PDB file of N, CA and C in Angstrom:
ATOM      1  N   MET A   1     151.158 214.011 135.453  1.00  0.00           N
ATOM      2  CA  MET A   1     151.077 214.962 134.496  1.00  0.00           C
ATOM      3  C   MET A   1     149.475 215.314 134.065  1.00  0.00           C
ATOM      4  N   ASP A   2     148.854 216.399 134.210  1.00  0.00           N
ATOM      5  CA  ASP A   2     147.518 216.120 133.634  1.00  0.00           C
ATOM      6  C   ASP A   2     147.322 216.739 132.482  1.00  0.00           C
ATOM      7  N   ASP A   3     146.166 216.385 131.956  1.00  0.00           N
ATOM      8  CA  ASP A   3     145.914 216.649 130.431  1.00  0.00           C
ATOM      9  C   ASP A   3     146.528 218.127 129.785  1.00  0.00           C
ATOM     10  N   THR A   4     146.067 219.289 131.301  1.00  0.00           N
ATOM     11  CA  THR A   4     146.651 220.551 130.801  1.00  0.00           C
ATOM     12  C   THR A   4     147.659 220.677 130.833  1.00  0.00           C
ATOM     13  N   SER A   5     148.836 220.137 131.490  1.00  0.00           N
ATOM     14  CA  SER A   5     150.374 220.191 131.602  1.00  0.00           C
ATOM     15  C   SER A   5     150.521 219.802 130.032  1.00  0.00           C
ATOM     16  N   ALA A   6     150.242 218.500 129.866  1.00  0.00           N
ATOM     17  CA  ALA A   6     150.815 218.223 128.703  1.00  0.00           C
ATOM     18  C   ALA A   6     150.226 218.939 127.175  1.00  0.00           C
ATOM     19  N   ILE A   7     149.234 219.166 127.219  1.00  0.00           N
ATOM     20  CA  ILE A   7     148.975 220.186 126.371  1.00  0.00           C
ATOM     21  C   ILE A   7     149.952 221.252 126.001  1.00  0.00           C
ATOM     22  N   GLY A   8     149.795 222.261 127.290  1.00  0.00           N
ATOM     23  CA  GLY A   8     151.254 223.148 127.225  1.00  0.00           C
ATOM     24  C   GLY A   8     152.297 222.702 127.076  1.00  0.00           C
ATOM     25  N   GLY A   9     152.734 221.609 127.302  1.00  0.00           N
ATOM     26  CA  GLY A   9     154.064 221.454 127.305  1.00  0.00           C
ATOM     27  C   GLY A   9     154.213 221.442 125.697  1.00  0.00           C
ATOM     28  N   PHE A  10     153.092 220.573 124.561  1.00  0.00           N
ATOM     29  CA  PHE A  10     153.268 220.109 123.738  1.00  0.00           C
ATOM     30  C   PHE A  10     153.317 221.387 123.027  1.00  0.00           C
ATOM     31  N   GLU A  11     152.539 222.541 123.221  1.00  0.00           N
ATOM     32  CA  GLU A  11     152.412 223.760 122.378  1.00  0.00           C
ATOM     33  C   GLU A  11     153.461 224.327 122.749  1.00  0.00           C
ATOM     34  N   ALA A  12     153.995 224.813 123.813  1.00  0.00           N
ATOM     35  CA  ALA A  12     155.673 224.808 124.274  1.00  0.00           C
ATOM     36  C   ALA A  12     156.575 224.300 122.873  1.00  0.00           C
ATOM     37  N   PHE A  13     156.779 223.389 123.055  1.00  0.00           N
ATOM     38  CA  PHE A  13     157.196 222.685 122.228  1.00  0.00           C
ATOM     39  C   PHE A  13     157.402 222.691 120.903  1.00  0.00           C
ATOM     40  N   ARG A  14     156.229 222.953 120.208  1.00  0.00           N
ATOM     41  CA  ARG A  14     155.549 223.269 118.808  1.00  0.00           C
ATOM     42  C   ARG A  14     155.845 224.309 118.428  1.00  0.00           C
ATOM     43  N   ARG A  15     156.054 225.288 119.539  1.00  0.00           N
ATOM     44  CA  ARG A  15     156.535 226.924 119.190  1.00  0.00           C
ATOM     45  C   ARG A  15     158.006 226.553 119.156  1.00  0.00           C
ATOM     46  N   GLU A  16     158.497 225.994 120.113  1.00  0.00           N
ATOM     47  CA  GLU A  16     160.428 225.678 119.699  1.00  0.00           C
ATOM     48  C   GLU A  16     160.751 225.209 118.081  1.00  0.00           C
ATOM     49  N   VAL A  17     159.817 224.207 118.000  1.00  0.00           N
ATOM     50  CA  VAL A  17     159.671 223.628 116.358  1.00  0.00           C
ATOM     51  C   VAL A  17     159.779 224.678 115.107  1.00  0.00           C
ATOM     52  N   ALA A  18     158.644 225.485 115.570  1.00  0.00           N
ATOM     53  CA  ALA A  18     158.176 226.751 114.788  1.00  0.00           C
ATOM     54  C   ALA A  18     159.506 227.549 114.533  1.00  0.00           C
ATOM     55  N   SER A  19     159.907 227.910 115.540  1.00  0.00           N
ATOM     56  CA  SER A  19     161.407 228.990 115.556  1.00  0.00           C
ATOM     57  C   SER A  19     162.204 228.353 115.087  1.00  0.00           C
ATOM     58  N   MET A  20     162.611 227.040 115.298  1.00  0.00           N
ATOM     59  CA  MET A  20     163.539 226.364 114.435  1.00  0.00           C
ATOM     60  C   MET A  20     163.595 226.310 112.830  1.00  0.00           C
ATOM     61  N   ILE A  21     162.428 226.044 112.508  1.00  0.00           N
ATOM     62  CA  ILE A  21     161.952 226.377 111.158  1.00  0.00           C
ATOM     63  C   ILE A  21     162.550 227.573 110.738  1.00  0.00           C
ATOM     64  N   ILE A  22     161.927 228.667 111.288  1.00  0.00           N
ATOM     65  CA  ILE A  22     161.808 229.952 110.785  1.00  0.00           C
ATOM     66  C   ILE A  22     163.771 230.410 110.598  1.00  0.00           C
ATOM     67  N   GLU A  23     164.500 229.800 112.078  1.00  0.00           N
ATOM     68  CA  GLU A  23     165.582 230.158 112.061  1.00  0.00           C
ATOM     69  C   GLU A  23     166.516 229.158 110.820  1.00  0.00           C
ATOM     70  N   GLU A  24     166.106 227.936 110.670  1.00  0.00           N
ATOM     71  CA  GLU A  24     166.825 227.437 109.816  1.00  0.00           C
ATOM     72  C   GLU A  24     166.826 227.857 108.275  1.00  0.00           C
ATOM     73  N   LEU A  25     165.658 228.022 107.882  1.00  0.00           N
ATOM     74  CA  LEU A  25     165.320 228.379 106.653  1.00  0.00           C
ATOM     75  C   LEU A  25     165.146 229.788 106.369  1.00  0.00           C
ATOM     76  N   VAL A  26     165.480 230.770 107.500  1.00  0.00           N
ATOM     77  CA  VAL A  26     165.620 231.659 107.194  1.00  0.00           C
ATOM     78  C   VAL A  26     164.413 232.628 106.563  1.00  0.00           C
ATOM     79  N   LEU A  27     163.310 232.485 107.643  1.00  0.00           N
ATOM     80  CA  LEU A  27     161.795 232.806 107.369  1.00  0.00           C
ATOM     81  C   LEU A  27     161.759 234.156 107.846  1.00  0.00           C
ATOM     82  N   ASP A  28     162.656 235.417 107.412  1.00  0.00           N
ATOM     83  CA  ASP A  28     162.531 236.279 108.380  1.00  0.00           C
ATOM     84  C   ASP A  28     161.373 237.239 108.715  1.00  0.00           C
ATOM     85  N   ASP A  29     160.402 236.840 107.813  1.00  0.00           N
ATOM     86  CA  ASP A  29     158.609 237.747 107.574  1.00  0.00           C
ATOM     87  C   ASP A  29     158.082 236.842 108.249  1.00  0.00           C
ATOM     88  N   THR A  30     158.415 235.428 108.929  1.00  0.00           N
ATOM     89  CA  THR A  30     157.366 234.859 109.678  1.00  0.00           C
ATOM     90  C   THR A  30     157.798 234.812 111.071  1.00  0.00           C
ATOM     91  N   ALA A  31     156.817 234.906 111.867  1.00  0.00           N
ATOM     92  CA  ALA A  31     156.899 234.437 113.364  1.00  0.00           C
ATOM     93  C   ALA A  31     156.284 233.019 113.877  1.00  0.00           C
ATOM     94  N   PRO A  32     156.841 232.471 115.103  1.00  0.00           N
ATOM     95  CA  PRO A  32     156.158 230.824 114.918  1.00  0.00           C
ATOM     96  C   PRO A  32     154.616 230.823 115.268  1.00  0.00           C
ATOM     97  N   GLU A  33     153.860 232.377 115.763  1.00  0.00           N
ATOM     98  CA  GLU A  33     152.533 232.175 115.721  1.00  0.00           C
ATOM     99  C   GLU A  33     152.167 232.171 114.670  1.00  0.00           C
ATOM    100  N   ASP A  34     152.666 232.541 113.185  1.00  0.00           N
ATOM    101  CA  ASP A  34     152.156 232.696 111.766  1.00  0.00           C
ATOM    102  C   ASP A  34     152.278 231.394 111.251  1.00  0.00           C
ATOM    103  N   ILE A  35     152.911 230.278 112.139  1.00  0.00           N
ATOM    104  CA  ILE A  35     152.342 228.781 111.224  1.00  0.00           C
ATOM    105  C   ILE A  35     151.380 228.532 111.650  1.00  0.00           C
ATOM    106  N   ASP A  36     150.491 228.237 111.155  1.00  0.00           N
ATOM    107  CA  ASP A  36     149.117 227.465 111.531  1.00  0.00           C
ATOM    108  C   ASP A  36     149.574 225.696 111.657  1.00  0.00           C
ATOM    109  N   PRO A  37     149.857 225.285 112.913  1.00  0.00           N
ATOM    110  CA  PRO A  37     150.061 223.943 113.010  1.00  0.00           C
ATOM    111  C   PRO A  37     149.521 222.818 112.414  1.00  0.00           C
ATOM    112  N   ALA A  38     148.086 223.095 111.938  1.00  0.00           N
ATOM    113  CA  ALA A  38     147.427 221.918 111.111  1.00  0.00           C
ATOM    114  C   ALA A  38     147.686 222.449 109.671  1.00  0.00           C
ATOM    115  N   ALA A  39     148.545 223.234 109.064  1.00  0.00           N
ATOM    116  CA  ALA A  39     148.617 223.248 107.679  1.00  0.00           C
ATOM    117  C   ALA A  39     149.499 222.569 107.084  1.00  0.00           C
ATOM    118  N   PRO A  40     149.665 222.534 105.978  1.00  0.00           N
ATOM    119  CA  PRO A  40     150.710 221.841 105.245  1.00  0.00           C
ATOM    120  C   PRO A  40     151.963 222.859 105.238  1.00  0.00           C
ATOM    121  N   LEU A  41     153.005 221.988 105.499  1.00  0.00           N
ATOM    122  CA  LEU A  41     154.477 222.806 105.422  1.00  0.00           C
ATOM    123  C   LEU A  41     154.736 222.894 104.102  1.00  0.00           C
ATOM    124  N   PHE A  42     154.443 221.786 102.962  1.00  0.00           N
ATOM    125  CA  PHE A  42     154.853 221.886 101.735  1.00  0.00           C
ATOM    126  C   PHE A  42     153.667 222.706 100.794  1.00  0.00           C
ATOM    127  N   ILE A  43     154.108 223.233  99.530  1.00  0.00           N
ATOM    128  CA  ILE A  43     153.264 223.627  98.678  1.00  0.00           C
ATOM    129  C   ILE A  43     152.008 224.429  99.343  1.00  0.00           C
ATOM    130  N   ASP A  44     150.972 224.353  99.271  1.00  0.00           N
ATOM    131  CA  ASP A  44     149.591 225.352  99.731  1.00  0.00           C
ATOM    132  C   ASP A  44     150.217 226.084 101.165  1.00  0.00           C
ATOM    133  N   GLY A  45     150.751 225.338 101.962  1.00  0.00           N
ATOM    134  CA  GLY A  45     151.023 225.894 103.202  1.00  0.00           C
ATOM    135  C   GLY A  45     151.845 226.621 103.431  1.00  0.00           C
ATOM    136  N   LEU A  46     153.290 226.477 104.200  1.00  0.00           N
ATOM    137  CA  LEU A  46     154.135 227.205 104.410  1.00  0.00           C
ATOM    138  C   LEU A  46     154.991 227.424 103.133  1.00  0.00           C
ATOM    139  N   GLY A  47     154.721 226.367 102.306  1.00  0.00           N
ATOM    140  CA  GLY A  47     155.368 226.616 100.874  1.00  0.00           C
ATOM    141  C   GLY A  47     156.836 226.026 100.778  1.00  0.00           C
ATOM    142  N   LEU A  48     156.787 225.422 101.655  1.00  0.00           N
ATOM    143  CA  LEU A  48     158.536 224.567 101.644  1.00  0.00           C
ATOM    144  C   LEU A  48     158.780 223.389 100.320  1.00  0.00           C
ATOM    145  N   ASP A  49     160.263 223.243 100.160  1.00  0.00           N
ATOM    146  CA  ASP A  49     160.379 222.635  99.158  1.00  0.00           C
ATOM    147  C   ASP A  49     161.378 221.146  99.351  1.00  0.00           C
ATOM    148  N   SER A  50     161.371 220.181  98.544  1.00  0.00           N
ATOM    149  CA  SER A  50     162.361 219.134  99.024  1.00  0.00           C
ATOM    150  C   SER A  50     163.929 219.773  99.820  1.00  0.00           C
ATOM    151  N   ILE A  51     164.122 220.915  99.397  1.00  0.00           N
ATOM    152  CA  ILE A  51     165.741 221.423  99.547  1.00  0.00           C
ATOM    153  C   ILE A  51     165.534 221.976 101.394  1.00  0.00           C
ATOM    154  N   ASP A  52     164.196 222.540 101.350  1.00  0.00           N
ATOM    155  CA  ASP A  52     163.748 222.675 102.558  1.00  0.00           C
ATOM    156  C   ASP A  52     163.922 221.629 103.673  1.00  0.00           C
ATOM    157  N   ALA A  53     163.048 220.494 103.116  1.00  0.00           N
ATOM    158  CA  ALA A  53     162.906 219.788 104.026  1.00  0.00           C
ATOM    159  C   ALA A  53     164.194 218.863 104.217  1.00  0.00           C
ATOM    160  N   LEU A  54     165.116 218.726 103.286  1.00  0.00           N
ATOM    161  CA  LEU A  54     166.832 218.205 103.724  1.00  0.00           C
ATOM    162  C   LEU A  54     167.134 219.257 104.276  1.00  0.00           C
ATOM    163  N   GLU A  55     167.119 220.707 104.235  1.00  0.00           N
ATOM    164  CA  GLU A  55     167.842 221.300 105.673  1.00  0.00           C
ATOM    165  C   GLU A  55     167.193 221.482 106.977  1.00  0.00           C
ATOM    166  N   LEU A  56     165.908 221.029 107.031  1.00  0.00           N
ATOM    167  CA  LEU A  56     165.541 220.488 108.146  1.00  0.00           C
ATOM    168  C   LEU A  56     165.857 219.391 108.618  1.00  0.00           C
ATOM    169  N   SER A  57     165.677 218.675 108.038  1.00  0.00           N
ATOM    170  CA  SER A  57     166.171 217.205 108.558  1.00  0.00           C
ATOM    171  C   SER A  57     167.675 217.504 109.217  1.00  0.00           C
ATOM    172  N   PHE A  58     168.616 218.039 108.507  1.00  0.00           N
ATOM    173  CA  PHE A  58     170.223 218.104 109.086  1.00  0.00           C
ATOM    174  C   PHE A  58     169.746 218.910 110.457  1.00  0.00           C
ATOM    175  N   ALA A  59     169.148 220.148 110.423  1.00  0.00           N
ATOM    176  CA  ALA A  59     168.785 220.994 111.579  1.00  0.00           C
ATOM    177  C   ALA A  59     167.829 220.128 113.030  1.00  0.00           C
ATOM    178  N   ILE A  60     167.112 218.939 112.466  1.00  0.00           N
ATOM    179  CA  ILE A  60     166.483 218.157 113.636  1.00  0.00           C
ATOM    180  C   ILE A  60     167.334 217.331 114.084  1.00  0.00           C
ATOM    181  N   SER A  61     168.427 216.880 113.126  1.00  0.00           N
ATOM    182  CA  SER A  61     169.317 215.434 113.486  1.00  0.00           C
ATOM    183  C   SER A  61     170.311 216.407 114.539  1.00  0.00           C
ATOM    184  N   LYS A  62     170.999 217.223 114.140  1.00  0.00           N
ATOM    185  CA  LYS A  62     171.645 218.188 115.052  1.00  0.00           C
ATOM    186  C   LYS A  62     171.362 218.799 116.478  1.00  0.00           C
ATOM    187  N   ARG A  63     169.870 219.040 116.380  1.00  0.00           N
ATOM    188  CA  ARG A  63     169.413 219.599 117.615  1.00  0.00           C
ATOM    189  C   ARG A  63     168.863 218.616 118.694  1.00  0.00           C
ATOM    190  N   TYR A  64     168.062 217.809 117.752  1.00  0.00           N
ATOM    191  CA  TYR A  64     167.089 216.929 118.695  1.00  0.00           C
ATOM    192  C   TYR A  64     167.579 215.137 118.446  1.00  0.00           C
ATOM    193  N   GLY A  65     168.396 214.968 117.891  1.00  0.00           N
ATOM    194  CA  GLY A  65     169.111 213.593 117.654  1.00  0.00           C
ATOM    195  C   GLY A  65     168.053 213.065 116.727  1.00  0.00           C
ATOM    196  N   VAL A  66     167.107 213.253 116.368  1.00  0.00           N
ATOM    197  CA  VAL A  66     166.271 212.443 115.541  1.00  0.00           C
ATOM    198  C   VAL A  66     166.842 212.409 114.397  1.00  0.00           C
ATOM    199  N   LYS A  67     166.990 211.514 113.847  1.00  0.00           N
ATOM    200  CA  LYS A  67     167.374 210.926 112.214  1.00  0.00           C
ATOM    201  C   LYS A  67     165.993 210.773 111.469  1.00  0.00           C
ATOM    202  N   LEU A  68     166.120 211.626 110.388  1.00  0.00           N
ATOM    203  CA  LEU A  68     164.868 211.611 109.484  1.00  0.00           C
ATOM    204  C   LEU A  68     165.456 210.674 107.829  1.00  0.00           C
ATOM    205  N   ARG A  69     165.677 209.515 107.454  1.00  0.00           N
ATOM    206  CA  ARG A  69     166.018 209.512 106.352  1.00  0.00           C
ATOM    207  C   ARG A  69     165.155 209.596 104.850  1.00  0.00           C
ATOM    208  N   SER A  70     165.747 210.152 103.955  1.00  0.00           N
ATOM    209  CA  SER A  70     165.327 210.895 102.647  1.00  0.00           C
ATOM    210  C   SER A  70     164.460 209.372 102.112  1.00  0.00           C
ATOM    211  N   GLY A  71     164.866 208.299 102.129  1.00  0.00           N
ATOM    212  CA  GLY A  71     163.929 207.267 101.728  1.00  0.00           C
ATOM    213  C   GLY A  71     162.834 206.495 102.320  1.00  0.00           C
ATOM    214  N   ASP A  72     162.555 207.009 103.841  1.00  0.00           N
ATOM    215  CA  ASP A  72     161.538 206.883 104.921  1.00  0.00           C
ATOM    216  C   ASP A  72     160.318 207.078 104.094  1.00  0.00           C
ATOM    217  N   GLU A  73     159.365 205.825 103.806  1.00  0.00           N
ATOM    218  CA  GLU A  73     158.014 206.642 103.138  1.00  0.00           C
ATOM    219  C   GLU A  73     157.132 207.243 104.499  1.00  0.00           C
ATOM    220  N   ARG A  74     157.406 207.191 105.718  1.00  0.00           N
ATOM    221  CA  ARG A  74     156.827 208.177 106.893  1.00  0.00           C
ATOM    222  C   ARG A  74     156.976 209.387 106.769  1.00  0.00           C
ATOM    223  N   ASN A  75     158.023 209.771 105.910  1.00  0.00           N
ATOM    224  CA  ASN A  75     158.347 211.395 105.856  1.00  0.00           C
ATOM    225  C   ASN A  75     157.189 212.212 105.312  1.00  0.00           C
ATOM    226  N   ARG A  76     156.226 211.711 104.521  1.00  0.00           N
ATOM    227  CA  ARG A  76     155.115 212.654 104.256  1.00  0.00           C
ATOM    228  C   ARG A  76     154.215 212.796 104.896  1.00  0.00           C
ATOM    229  N   GLU A  77     154.092 211.752 106.082  1.00  0.00           N
ATOM    230  CA  GLU A  77     153.307 211.971 106.966  1.00  0.00           C
ATOM    231  C   GLU A  77     153.942 212.891 108.027  1.00  0.00           C
ATOM    232  N   ILE A  78     155.242 212.578 108.557  1.00  0.00           N
ATOM    233  CA  ILE A  78     156.188 213.468 109.641  1.00  0.00           C
ATOM    234  C   ILE A  78     156.151 214.698 109.042  1.00  0.00           C
ATOM    235  N   PHE A  79     156.263 215.534 107.694  1.00  0.00           N
ATOM    236  CA  PHE A  79     156.467 216.613 107.254  1.00  0.00           C
ATOM    237  C   PHE A  79     155.182 217.310 107.015  1.00  0.00           C
ATOM    238  N   SER A  80     154.310 216.551 107.240  1.00  0.00           N
ATOM    239  CA  SER A  80     152.516 216.906 106.709  1.00  0.00           C
ATOM    240  C   SER A  80     152.443 218.212 107.286  1.00  0.00           C
ATOM    241  N   SER A  81     152.564 218.612 108.735  1.00  0.00           N
ATOM    242  CA  SER A  81     152.410 219.901 109.366  1.00  0.00           C
ATOM    243  C   SER A  81     153.325 219.845 110.581  1.00  0.00           C
ATOM    244  N   LEU A  82     153.174 221.367 110.973  1.00  0.00           N
ATOM    245  CA  LEU A  82     153.919 221.730 112.037  1.00  0.00           C
ATOM    246  C   LEU A  82     153.543 220.506 113.441  1.00  0.00           C
ATOM    247  N   ASP A  83     152.329 220.354 113.531  1.00  0.00           N
ATOM    248  CA  ASP A  83     151.798 219.618 114.602  1.00  0.00           C
ATOM    249  C   ASP A  83     152.461 218.356 114.583  1.00  0.00           C
ATOM    250  N   GLU A  84     152.124 217.366 113.066  1.00  0.00           N
ATOM    251  CA  GLU A  84     153.119 216.090 112.888  1.00  0.00           C
ATOM    252  C   GLU A  84     154.581 216.038 113.004  1.00  0.00           C
ATOM    253  N   LEU A  85     155.039 217.396 112.684  1.00  0.00           N
ATOM    254  CA  LEU A  85     156.640 217.347 112.749  1.00  0.00           C
ATOM    255  C   LEU A  85     156.922 217.290 114.271  1.00  0.00           C
ATOM    256  N   SER A  86     156.395 218.106 115.034  1.00  0.00           N
ATOM    257  CA  SER A  86     156.610 218.473 116.044  1.00  0.00           C
ATOM    258  C   SER A  86     156.251 217.229 117.415  1.00  0.00           C
ATOM    259  N   ARG A  87     155.039 216.372 116.746  1.00  0.00           N
ATOM    260  CA  ARG A  87     155.000 214.832 117.653  1.00  0.00           C
ATOM    261  C   ARG A  87     156.323 214.063 117.307  1.00  0.00           C
ATOM    262  N   TYR A  88     156.299 214.167 115.958  1.00  0.00           N
ATOM    263  CA  TYR A  88     157.491 212.921 115.794  1.00  0.00           C
ATOM    264  C   TYR A  88     159.100 213.333 116.204  1.00  0.00           C
ATOM    265  N   ILE A  89     159.400 214.542 116.700  1.00  0.00           N
ATOM    266  CA  ILE A  89     160.739 214.616 117.212  1.00  0.00           C
ATOM    267  C   ILE A  89     160.468 214.545 118.619  1.00  0.00           C
ATOM    268  N   ARG A  90     159.371 215.019 119.323  1.00  0.00           N
ATOM    269  CA  ARG A  90     159.010 214.762 120.528  1.00  0.00           C
ATOM    270  C   ARG A  90     159.216 213.459 121.060  1.00  0.00           C
ATOM    271  N   GLU A  91     158.294 212.477 120.096  1.00  0.00           N
ATOM    272  CA  GLU A  91     158.543 211.360 120.362  1.00  0.00           C
ATOM    273  C   GLU A  91     159.965 210.605 120.290  1.00  0.00           C
ATOM    274  N   HIS A  92     160.574 210.779 119.509  1.00  0.00           N
ATOM    275  CA  HIS A  92     161.832 210.168 118.968  1.00  0.00           C
ATOM    276  C   HIS A  92     163.265 210.883 119.431  1.00  0.00           C
ATOM    277  N   ARG A  93     163.053 211.853 120.433  1.00  0.00           N
ATOM    278  CA  ARG A  93     164.190 213.023 120.500  1.00  0.00           C
ATOM    279  C   ARG A  93     165.100 212.533 121.342  1.00  0.00           C
ATOM    280  N   THR A  94     166.654 212.441 121.066  1.00  0.00           N
ATOM    281  CA  THR A  94     167.405 212.045 122.404  1.00  0.00           C
ATOM    282  C   THR A  94     168.500 212.799 122.806  1.00  0.00           C
ATOM    283  N   THR A  95     168.072 214.370 122.729  1.00  0.00           N
ATOM    284  CA  THR A  95     168.235 215.314 123.289  1.00  0.00           C
ATOM    285  C   THR A  95     167.635 216.273 124.201  1.00  0.00           C
TER     286      THR A  95
END
């Protein structure tokens, strides 16, 4: 697989994750392309909170088989942006 295919594949997967976020958190006025991949998902970025993180963790586990533990020190990094979340899910998915 060349770099172009890998990048295109990641962009498609990132869009899938963005769609999942929108669907699970019922962000009706948001489209996947509205979510800046590098912007923070919490506070100043998309404005998510800890309850949203919990809901997303359940959805990610159900959809992709990736377990995100509440006490994991990596969560801040994993949930730091759409890019980071997508990378983590893609690397650890079981389904």
